[in-house]
Amino acid sequence: MTTNHNSHHTRKDGFSVPEGYFDTVEQRLFERLNGNVQLRQTDKRIRQLTPFKKLIAVAAVITLLLGIGLVVKQQKATTLSHETIENYLEYNSSYTLSNEFIQAFDEQDLQEMEQAIQVNQKEINEYVQTNIDLDYYLNY
């Protein structure tokens, strides 16, 4: 192993190497690999859980599972069906279009909407006859 003996390098890093360390490092490494020297093993104690700690662990797991279940249930419940939205818009009296909103549409917007929406006159007539109280509108 070669070392750099640069004379203008005088910085000390605060670490020192024991005498002869690099001379014997290869020999010690091969001894360990061959199994001649046992590696130091730290004393690892087996810790058993007390009944109180077991109860806390079980309670934590149950709480975690319930929390995950509630989050999943909430995510599923947030999707609304088209029928629910239609019923809300049809029967909620507070939903009205303001004049500003109506005036904001110009002829081009209406034409784009007509092209985007597939209108079937038979379905419209069927819907009006089954879902709308025509007598109410005709007598008013």
N, C-alpha and C. Protein backbone atom coordinates (compact mmCIF):
# COMPACT_ATOMS: atom_id res chain seq x y z
N MET A 1 0.84 -1.15 0.00
CA MET A 1 0.00 0.00 0.00
C MET A 1 0.89 1.23 0.00
N THR A 2 0.56 2.19 -0.81
CA THR A 2 1.38 3.41 -0.90
C THR A 2 0.66 4.55 -0.22
N THR A 3 1.43 5.43 0.32
CA THR A 3 0.85 6.61 0.97
C THR A 3 1.36 7.84 0.27
N ASN A 4 0.60 8.89 0.34
CA ASN A 4 0.95 10.15 -0.29
C ASN A 4 1.70 11.00 0.73
N HIS A 5 2.96 11.25 0.48
CA HIS A 5 3.77 12.05 1.38
C HIS A 5 3.96 13.44 0.79
N ASN A 6 2.91 14.18 0.69
CA ASN A 6 2.95 15.52 0.12
C ASN A 6 3.34 16.49 1.22
N SER A 7 4.40 17.26 1.00
CA SER A 7 4.95 18.12 2.05
C SER A 7 4.06 19.31 2.35
N HIS A 8 3.30 19.82 1.39
CA HIS A 8 2.48 20.99 1.66
C HIS A 8 1.12 20.63 2.26
N HIS A 9 0.87 19.36 2.48
CA HIS A 9 -0.38 18.93 3.10
C HIS A 9 -0.15 18.78 4.60
N THR A 10 -0.56 19.77 5.37
CA THR A 10 -0.31 19.74 6.81
C THR A 10 -1.60 19.68 7.61
N ARG A 11 -2.72 19.55 6.98
CA ARG A 11 -4.01 19.51 7.68
C ARG A 11 -4.13 18.22 8.46
N LYS A 12 -4.58 18.32 9.70
CA LYS A 12 -4.80 17.14 10.52
C LYS A 12 -6.30 16.98 10.69
N ASP A 13 -6.76 15.75 10.51
CA ASP A 13 -8.19 15.50 10.61
C ASP A 13 -8.63 14.98 11.97
N GLY A 14 -7.74 14.74 12.88
CA GLY A 14 -8.11 14.32 14.22
C GLY A 14 -8.20 12.82 14.39
N PHE A 15 -7.96 12.05 13.35
CA PHE A 15 -8.02 10.61 13.45
C PHE A 15 -6.60 10.06 13.37
N SER A 16 -6.39 8.97 14.11
CA SER A 16 -5.08 8.35 14.05
C SER A 16 -5.25 6.85 13.87
N VAL A 17 -4.27 6.24 13.22
CA VAL A 17 -4.30 4.80 12.95
C VAL A 17 -3.27 4.14 13.84
N PRO A 18 -3.64 3.03 14.51
CA PRO A 18 -2.66 2.34 15.36
C PRO A 18 -1.45 1.88 14.56
N GLU A 19 -0.32 1.81 15.24
CA GLU A 19 0.92 1.37 14.60
C GLU A 19 0.76 -0.04 14.05
N GLY A 20 1.20 -0.26 12.81
CA GLY A 20 1.19 -1.58 12.20
C GLY A 20 -0.19 -2.07 11.78
N TYR A 21 -1.19 -1.22 11.78
CA TYR A 21 -2.56 -1.64 11.44
C TYR A 21 -2.65 -2.13 10.01
N PHE A 22 -2.13 -1.36 9.09
CA PHE A 22 -2.23 -1.73 7.69
C PHE A 22 -1.28 -2.88 7.32
N ASP A 23 -0.29 -3.15 8.14
CA ASP A 23 0.61 -4.26 7.87
C ASP A 23 -0.08 -5.60 8.14
N THR A 24 -1.00 -5.64 9.10
CA THR A 24 -1.63 -6.90 9.49
C THR A 24 -3.09 -7.00 9.07
N VAL A 25 -3.63 -6.03 8.41
CA VAL A 25 -5.05 -6.05 8.07
C VAL A 25 -5.39 -7.21 7.14
N GLU A 26 -4.56 -7.48 6.16
CA GLU A 26 -4.83 -8.58 5.24
C GLU A 26 -4.81 -9.92 5.97
N GLN A 27 -3.84 -10.10 6.81
CA GLN A 27 -3.73 -11.35 7.55
C GLN A 27 -4.96 -11.56 8.44
N ARG A 28 -5.39 -10.52 9.14
CA ARG A 28 -6.56 -10.65 10.00
C ARG A 28 -7.83 -10.92 9.19
N LEU A 29 -7.95 -10.31 8.04
CA LEU A 29 -9.11 -10.52 7.19
C LEU A 29 -9.17 -11.97 6.72
N PHE A 30 -8.06 -12.51 6.24
CA PHE A 30 -8.05 -13.90 5.79
C PHE A 30 -8.31 -14.87 6.93
N GLU A 31 -7.85 -14.57 8.11
CA GLU A 31 -8.12 -15.43 9.26
C GLU A 31 -9.61 -15.47 9.56
N ARG A 32 -10.27 -14.32 9.48
CA ARG A 32 -11.71 -14.28 9.72
C ARG A 32 -12.47 -15.03 8.64
N LEU A 33 -12.04 -14.87 7.38
CA LEU A 33 -12.73 -15.55 6.30
C LEU A 33 -12.54 -17.06 6.40
N ASN A 34 -11.40 -17.52 6.86
CA ASN A 34 -11.14 -18.96 7.00
C ASN A 34 -11.79 -19.53 8.26
N GLY A 35 -12.29 -18.69 9.11
CA GLY A 35 -12.94 -19.18 10.33
C GLY A 35 -11.99 -19.40 11.48
N ASN A 36 -10.75 -18.93 11.39
CA ASN A 36 -9.81 -19.12 12.48
C ASN A 36 -10.09 -18.20 13.66
N VAL A 37 -10.73 -17.08 13.41
CA VAL A 37 -11.03 -16.13 14.48
C VAL A 37 -12.53 -15.96 14.56
N GLN A 38 -13.09 -16.09 15.72
CA GLN A 38 -14.52 -15.90 15.94
C GLN A 38 -14.82 -14.40 16.00
N LEU A 39 -15.86 -13.99 15.31
CA LEU A 39 -16.28 -12.60 15.38
C LEU A 39 -16.96 -12.36 16.72
N ARG A 40 -16.80 -11.18 17.23
CA ARG A 40 -17.44 -10.86 18.50
C ARG A 40 -18.95 -10.81 18.29
N GLN A 41 -19.67 -11.45 19.17
CA GLN A 41 -21.12 -11.42 19.12
C GLN A 41 -21.62 -10.64 20.31
N THR A 42 -22.55 -9.76 20.04
CA THR A 42 -23.11 -8.98 21.14
C THR A 42 -24.17 -9.82 21.84
N ASP A 43 -24.35 -9.56 23.08
CA ASP A 43 -25.33 -10.29 23.88
C ASP A 43 -26.72 -9.75 23.55
N LYS A 44 -27.51 -10.56 22.86
CA LYS A 44 -28.86 -10.15 22.48
C LYS A 44 -29.85 -10.84 23.40
N ARG A 45 -30.57 -10.04 24.11
CA ARG A 45 -31.56 -10.58 25.03
C ARG A 45 -32.90 -10.68 24.33
N ILE A 46 -33.63 -11.71 24.67
CA ILE A 46 -34.97 -11.89 24.15
C ILE A 46 -35.93 -11.22 25.12
N ARG A 47 -36.68 -10.28 24.59
CA ARG A 47 -37.62 -9.57 25.45
C ARG A 47 -39.02 -10.11 25.19
N GLN A 48 -39.67 -10.46 26.24
CA GLN A 48 -41.03 -10.96 26.13
C GLN A 48 -42.00 -9.83 26.44
N LEU A 49 -43.11 -9.85 25.73
CA LEU A 49 -44.13 -8.84 25.95
C LEU A 49 -44.94 -9.20 27.19
N THR A 50 -45.17 -8.22 28.01
CA THR A 50 -46.04 -8.43 29.17
C THR A 50 -47.48 -8.43 28.68
N PRO A 51 -48.39 -8.99 29.47
CA PRO A 51 -49.80 -9.00 29.03
C PRO A 51 -50.32 -7.60 28.72
N PHE A 52 -49.87 -6.59 29.47
CA PHE A 52 -50.32 -5.22 29.22
C PHE A 52 -49.84 -4.73 27.86
N LYS A 53 -48.59 -5.01 27.52
CA LYS A 53 -48.04 -4.59 26.23
C LYS A 53 -48.71 -5.35 25.09
N LYS A 54 -49.05 -6.62 25.33
CA LYS A 54 -49.77 -7.38 24.31
C LYS A 54 -51.13 -6.76 24.04
N LEU A 55 -51.80 -6.34 25.11
CA LEU A 55 -53.12 -5.72 24.98
C LEU A 55 -53.02 -4.41 24.20
N ILE A 56 -52.00 -3.64 24.48
CA ILE A 56 -51.80 -2.37 23.75
C ILE A 56 -51.53 -2.65 22.27
N ALA A 57 -50.74 -3.66 21.98
CA ALA A 57 -50.43 -4.00 20.59
C ALA A 57 -51.70 -4.44 19.84
N VAL A 58 -52.51 -5.27 20.48
CA VAL A 58 -53.76 -5.73 19.86
C VAL A 58 -54.70 -4.55 19.63
N ALA A 59 -54.80 -3.65 20.61
CA ALA A 59 -55.67 -2.49 20.46
C ALA A 59 -55.18 -1.59 19.31
N ALA A 60 -53.88 -1.45 19.17
CA ALA A 60 -53.33 -0.63 18.08
C ALA A 60 -53.64 -1.24 16.72
N VAL A 61 -53.52 -2.55 16.61
CA VAL A 61 -53.82 -3.22 15.33
C VAL A 61 -55.30 -3.08 14.99
N ILE A 62 -56.17 -3.27 15.97
CA ILE A 62 -57.61 -3.14 15.72
C ILE A 62 -57.96 -1.72 15.30
N THR A 63 -57.37 -0.73 15.97
CA THR A 63 -57.62 0.67 15.62
C THR A 63 -57.15 0.96 14.20
N LEU A 64 -56.00 0.44 13.83
CA LEU A 64 -55.47 0.63 12.49
C LEU A 64 -56.40 0.01 11.44
N LEU A 65 -56.86 -1.19 11.68
CA LEU A 65 -57.75 -1.85 10.73
C LEU A 65 -59.07 -1.11 10.59
N LEU A 66 -59.63 -0.66 11.71
CA LEU A 66 -60.89 0.10 11.64
C LEU A 66 -60.69 1.41 10.90
N GLY A 67 -59.58 2.08 11.14
CA GLY A 67 -59.30 3.33 10.44
C GLY A 67 -59.19 3.13 8.94
N ILE A 68 -58.49 2.09 8.53
CA ILE A 68 -58.35 1.80 7.10
C ILE A 68 -59.72 1.47 6.50
N GLY A 69 -60.53 0.70 7.23
CA GLY A 69 -61.87 0.35 6.76
C GLY A 69 -62.75 1.57 6.57
N LEU A 70 -62.67 2.52 7.49
CA LEU A 70 -63.48 3.73 7.37
C LEU A 70 -63.05 4.59 6.19
N VAL A 71 -61.76 4.68 5.96
CA VAL A 71 -61.26 5.47 4.83
C VAL A 71 -61.73 4.85 3.51
N VAL A 72 -61.65 3.54 3.40
CA VAL A 72 -62.09 2.87 2.18
C VAL A 72 -63.59 3.05 1.98
N LYS A 73 -64.36 2.94 3.06
CA LYS A 73 -65.81 3.10 2.97
C LYS A 73 -66.18 4.51 2.56
N GLN A 74 -65.48 5.52 3.07
CA GLN A 74 -65.75 6.90 2.70
C GLN A 74 -65.45 7.14 1.23
N GLN A 75 -64.38 6.56 0.73
CA GLN A 75 -64.04 6.75 -0.67
C GLN A 75 -65.10 6.15 -1.58
N LYS A 76 -65.66 5.02 -1.20
CA LYS A 76 -66.71 4.40 -2.00
C LYS A 76 -68.00 5.20 -1.92
N ALA A 77 -68.28 5.81 -0.78
CA ALA A 77 -69.53 6.54 -0.58
C ALA A 77 -69.53 7.89 -1.27
N THR A 78 -68.40 8.41 -1.68
CA THR A 78 -68.36 9.75 -2.26
C THR A 78 -68.79 9.78 -3.72
N THR A 79 -68.92 8.65 -4.38
CA THR A 79 -69.35 8.66 -5.77
C THR A 79 -70.87 8.72 -5.82
N LEU A 80 -71.39 9.61 -6.64
CA LEU A 80 -72.83 9.79 -6.78
C LEU A 80 -73.28 9.23 -8.12
N SER A 81 -74.46 8.64 -8.12
CA SER A 81 -74.99 8.12 -9.37
C SER A 81 -75.63 9.27 -10.15
N HIS A 82 -75.82 9.05 -11.43
CA HIS A 82 -76.45 10.07 -12.27
C HIS A 82 -77.88 10.32 -11.81
N GLU A 83 -78.55 9.27 -11.39
CA GLU A 83 -79.93 9.40 -10.94
C GLU A 83 -80.02 10.29 -9.70
N THR A 84 -79.08 10.15 -8.78
CA THR A 84 -79.07 10.98 -7.59
C THR A 84 -78.88 12.44 -7.94
N ILE A 85 -77.98 12.72 -8.85
CA ILE A 85 -77.73 14.10 -9.27
C ILE A 85 -78.94 14.68 -9.98
N GLU A 86 -79.56 13.88 -10.86
CA GLU A 86 -80.75 14.35 -11.57
C GLU A 86 -81.88 14.65 -10.59
N ASN A 87 -82.09 13.77 -9.62
CA ASN A 87 -83.15 14.00 -8.63
C ASN A 87 -82.88 15.27 -7.82
N TYR A 88 -81.63 15.49 -7.46
CA TYR A 88 -81.29 16.70 -6.70
C TYR A 88 -81.60 17.95 -7.52
N LEU A 89 -81.18 17.94 -8.76
CA LEU A 89 -81.41 19.12 -9.60
C LEU A 89 -82.89 19.33 -9.89
N GLU A 90 -83.64 18.25 -10.02
CA GLU A 90 -85.06 18.35 -10.36
C GLU A 90 -85.90 18.80 -9.17
N TYR A 91 -85.59 18.32 -7.98
CA TYR A 91 -86.45 18.57 -6.83
C TYR A 91 -85.90 19.61 -5.86
N ASN A 92 -84.72 20.10 -6.04
CA ASN A 92 -84.16 21.10 -5.15
C ASN A 92 -84.56 22.48 -5.66
N SER A 93 -85.39 23.15 -4.90
CA SER A 93 -85.92 24.43 -5.37
C SER A 93 -84.89 25.55 -5.34
N SER A 94 -83.82 25.38 -4.60
CA SER A 94 -82.82 26.43 -4.52
C SER A 94 -81.92 26.46 -5.76
N TYR A 95 -82.00 25.44 -6.60
CA TYR A 95 -81.16 25.40 -7.80
C TYR A 95 -81.88 26.13 -8.92
N THR A 96 -81.42 27.30 -9.25
CA THR A 96 -81.98 28.06 -10.37
C THR A 96 -80.82 28.69 -11.14
N LEU A 97 -81.04 28.90 -12.39
CA LEU A 97 -80.04 29.55 -13.22
C LEU A 97 -80.22 31.06 -13.11
N SER A 98 -79.16 31.75 -12.82
CA SER A 98 -79.23 33.20 -12.73
C SER A 98 -79.25 33.79 -14.14
N ASN A 99 -79.76 35.02 -14.23
CA ASN A 99 -79.81 35.69 -15.53
C ASN A 99 -78.41 35.93 -16.07
N GLU A 100 -77.45 36.18 -15.20
CA GLU A 100 -76.07 36.38 -15.64
C GLU A 100 -75.54 35.13 -16.33
N PHE A 101 -75.87 33.97 -15.75
CA PHE A 101 -75.41 32.72 -16.33
C PHE A 101 -76.07 32.49 -17.69
N ILE A 102 -77.35 32.77 -17.77
CA ILE A 102 -78.08 32.57 -19.03
C ILE A 102 -77.57 33.54 -20.10
N GLN A 103 -77.31 34.78 -19.72
CA GLN A 103 -76.85 35.78 -20.68
C GLN A 103 -75.42 35.50 -21.15
N ALA A 104 -74.66 34.74 -20.38
CA ALA A 104 -73.28 34.45 -20.75
C ALA A 104 -73.18 33.52 -21.95
N PHE A 105 -74.25 32.77 -22.24
CA PHE A 105 -74.25 31.88 -23.40
C PHE A 105 -74.51 32.69 -24.65
N ASP A 106 -73.73 32.47 -25.67
CA ASP A 106 -74.01 33.08 -26.95
C ASP A 106 -74.42 31.98 -27.93
N GLU A 107 -74.68 32.36 -29.14
CA GLU A 107 -75.19 31.42 -30.15
C GLU A 107 -74.19 30.30 -30.43
N GLN A 108 -72.92 30.62 -30.44
CA GLN A 108 -71.89 29.61 -30.71
C GLN A 108 -71.86 28.56 -29.60
N ASP A 109 -71.99 29.00 -28.34
CA ASP A 109 -72.01 28.06 -27.22
C ASP A 109 -73.19 27.09 -27.33
N LEU A 110 -74.35 27.63 -27.71
CA LEU A 110 -75.54 26.79 -27.86
C LEU A 110 -75.37 25.78 -28.99
N GLN A 111 -74.76 26.21 -30.09
CA GLN A 111 -74.54 25.28 -31.20
C GLN A 111 -73.57 24.17 -30.81
N GLU A 112 -72.51 24.53 -30.05
CA GLU A 112 -71.57 23.51 -29.59
C GLU A 112 -72.25 22.51 -28.66
N MET A 113 -73.14 23.01 -27.81
CA MET A 113 -73.86 22.10 -26.91
C MET A 113 -74.78 21.18 -27.69
N GLU A 114 -75.45 21.71 -28.71
CA GLU A 114 -76.34 20.88 -29.52
C GLU A 114 -75.58 19.77 -30.22
N GLN A 115 -74.37 20.08 -30.69
CA GLN A 115 -73.57 19.06 -31.37
C GLN A 115 -73.04 18.03 -30.37
N ALA A 116 -72.75 18.46 -29.17
CA ALA A 116 -72.18 17.55 -28.17
C ALA A 116 -73.23 16.63 -27.57
N ILE A 117 -74.47 17.09 -27.50
CA ILE A 117 -75.53 16.30 -26.87
C ILE A 117 -76.31 15.56 -27.96
N GLN A 118 -76.39 14.28 -27.82
CA GLN A 118 -77.19 13.46 -28.73
C GLN A 118 -78.65 13.51 -28.27
N VAL A 119 -79.52 14.12 -29.05
CA VAL A 119 -80.92 14.29 -28.68
C VAL A 119 -81.77 13.35 -29.51
N ASN A 120 -82.58 12.57 -28.81
CA ASN A 120 -83.50 11.67 -29.47
C ASN A 120 -84.91 12.13 -29.08
N GLN A 121 -85.69 12.61 -30.04
CA GLN A 121 -87.00 13.20 -29.76
C GLN A 121 -87.94 12.18 -29.11
N LYS A 122 -87.85 10.93 -29.49
CA LYS A 122 -88.72 9.88 -28.92
C LYS A 122 -88.43 9.73 -27.42
N GLU A 123 -87.16 9.74 -27.04
CA GLU A 123 -86.79 9.62 -25.63
C GLU A 123 -87.25 10.84 -24.85
N ILE A 124 -87.15 12.03 -25.45
CA ILE A 124 -87.61 13.24 -24.76
C ILE A 124 -89.10 13.18 -24.53
N ASN A 125 -89.87 12.80 -25.53
CA ASN A 125 -91.32 12.70 -25.38
C ASN A 125 -91.69 11.67 -24.31
N GLU A 126 -91.01 10.55 -24.32
CA GLU A 126 -91.28 9.50 -23.34
C GLU A 126 -90.96 9.99 -21.92
N TYR A 127 -89.88 10.70 -21.77
CA TYR A 127 -89.50 11.23 -20.46
C TYR A 127 -90.52 12.24 -19.97
N VAL A 128 -90.95 13.14 -20.85
CA VAL A 128 -91.92 14.17 -20.45
C VAL A 128 -93.23 13.52 -20.04
N GLN A 129 -93.70 12.53 -20.77
CA GLN A 129 -94.98 11.88 -20.46
C GLN A 129 -94.93 11.09 -19.16
N THR A 130 -93.78 10.51 -18.82
CA THR A 130 -93.72 9.66 -17.62
C THR A 130 -93.23 10.40 -16.38
N ASN A 131 -92.45 11.46 -16.53
CA ASN A 131 -91.82 12.07 -15.36
C ASN A 131 -92.31 13.47 -15.02
N ILE A 132 -93.01 14.13 -15.90
CA ILE A 132 -93.42 15.51 -15.65
C ILE A 132 -94.94 15.58 -15.58
N ASP A 133 -95.42 16.33 -14.59
CA ASP A 133 -96.86 16.51 -14.40
C ASP A 133 -97.33 17.59 -15.37
N LEU A 134 -97.80 17.16 -16.53
CA LEU A 134 -98.19 18.10 -17.56
C LEU A 134 -99.44 18.90 -17.17
N ASP A 135 -100.36 18.30 -16.43
CA ASP A 135 -101.57 19.01 -16.00
C ASP A 135 -101.23 20.23 -15.17
N TYR A 136 -100.22 20.11 -14.34
CA TYR A 136 -99.81 21.23 -13.50
C TYR A 136 -99.37 22.41 -14.37
N TYR A 137 -98.58 22.14 -15.40
CA TYR A 137 -98.08 23.22 -16.25
C TYR A 137 -99.14 23.73 -17.23
N LEU A 138 -100.04 22.87 -17.66
CA LEU A 138 -101.07 23.30 -18.59
C LEU A 138 -102.17 24.13 -17.92
N ASN A 139 -102.43 23.86 -16.64
CA ASN A 139 -103.48 24.58 -15.93
C ASN A 139 -102.99 25.83 -15.23
N TYR A 140 -101.76 26.07 -15.23
CA TYR A 140 -101.22 27.26 -14.57
C TYR A 140 -101.07 28.38 -15.53
